[in-house]
Amino acid sequence: MQPYLSLLGYCAIVAVCLAILWKCVFAPYKRYREEQLLKFTELNQHEFEADLSPEELELINEKI
């Protein structure tokens, strides 16, 4: 019985450590990557719109 309780205790410790690691490292990194991707797509969208004539922009907006 004792080994099972030890194993359960170790698994609980590992689960808590992984949760802390996720909250402190991976979640902020994921948020940062999403912000960078959003910023990149916004910049590319503005460049794309600048290259188009007003008539072409109207056609694209009608399709959306």
Protein backbone atom coordinates (compact mmCIF):
# COMPACT_ATOMS: atom_id res chain seq x y z
CA MET A 1 0.00 0.00 0.00
CA GLN A 2 2.85 2.36 0.86
CA PRO A 3 4.42 2.28 -2.66
CA TYR A 4 1.08 3.17 -4.24
CA LEU A 5 0.67 6.18 -1.96
CA SER A 6 4.21 7.31 -2.76
CA LEU A 7 3.55 6.97 -6.47
CA LEU A 8 0.32 8.91 -6.12
CA GLY A 9 2.13 11.63 -4.17
CA TYR A 10 4.86 11.92 -6.80
CA CYS A 11 2.28 12.09 -9.57
CA ALA A 12 0.49 14.90 -7.73
CA ILE A 13 3.76 16.81 -7.34
CA VAL A 14 4.56 16.39 -11.03
CA ALA A 15 1.06 17.52 -12.00
CA VAL A 16 1.39 20.67 -9.87
CA CYS A 17 4.83 21.42 -11.34
CA LEU A 18 3.53 20.98 -14.88
CA ALA A 19 0.56 23.27 -14.16
CA ILE A 20 2.89 25.96 -12.78
CA LEU A 21 5.22 25.56 -15.76
CA TRP A 22 2.28 25.88 -18.17
CA LYS A 23 0.93 29.02 -16.49
CA CYS A 24 4.31 30.74 -16.15
CA VAL A 25 6.11 29.74 -19.35
CA PHE A 26 4.01 28.19 -22.09
CA ALA A 27 0.82 30.26 -21.84
CA PRO A 28 2.62 33.65 -22.01
CA TYR A 29 4.79 32.39 -24.87
CA LYS A 30 1.71 31.22 -26.76
CA ARG A 31 0.02 34.59 -26.17
CA TYR A 32 3.17 36.40 -27.39
CA ARG A 33 3.28 34.30 -30.58
CA GLU A 34 -0.41 34.98 -31.26
CA GLU A 35 0.15 38.73 -30.82
CA GLN A 36 3.13 38.64 -33.18
CA LEU A 37 1.13 36.71 -35.77
CA LEU A 38 -1.76 39.17 -35.48
CA LYS A 39 0.60 42.12 -35.85
CA PHE A 40 2.27 40.48 -38.87
CA THR A 41 -1.05 39.78 -40.60
CA GLU A 42 -2.27 43.32 -39.94
CA LEU A 43 0.90 44.75 -41.49
CA ASN A 44 0.61 42.50 -44.52
CA GLN A 45 -3.07 43.34 -44.89
CA HIS A 46 -2.28 47.06 -44.95
CA GLU A 47 0.47 46.53 -47.53
CA PHE A 48 -1.91 44.47 -49.63
CA GLU A 49 -4.63 47.12 -49.42
CA ALA A 50 -2.14 49.85 -50.35
CA ASP A 51 -1.28 48.01 -53.58
CA LEU A 52 -4.92 47.74 -54.67
CA SER A 53 -6.98 50.31 -56.45
CA PRO A 54 -10.23 51.52 -54.81
CA GLU A 55 -12.29 49.48 -57.29
CA GLU A 56 -10.42 46.29 -56.39
CA LEU A 57 -10.91 46.99 -52.69
CA GLU A 58 -14.65 47.38 -53.22
CA LEU A 59 -14.80 44.05 -55.06
CA ILE A 60 -12.95 42.30 -52.23
CA ASN A 61 -15.19 43.85 -49.58
CA GLU A 62 -18.30 42.78 -51.51
CA LYS A 63 -17.06 39.18 -51.57
CA ILE A 64 -16.53 39.21 -47.83
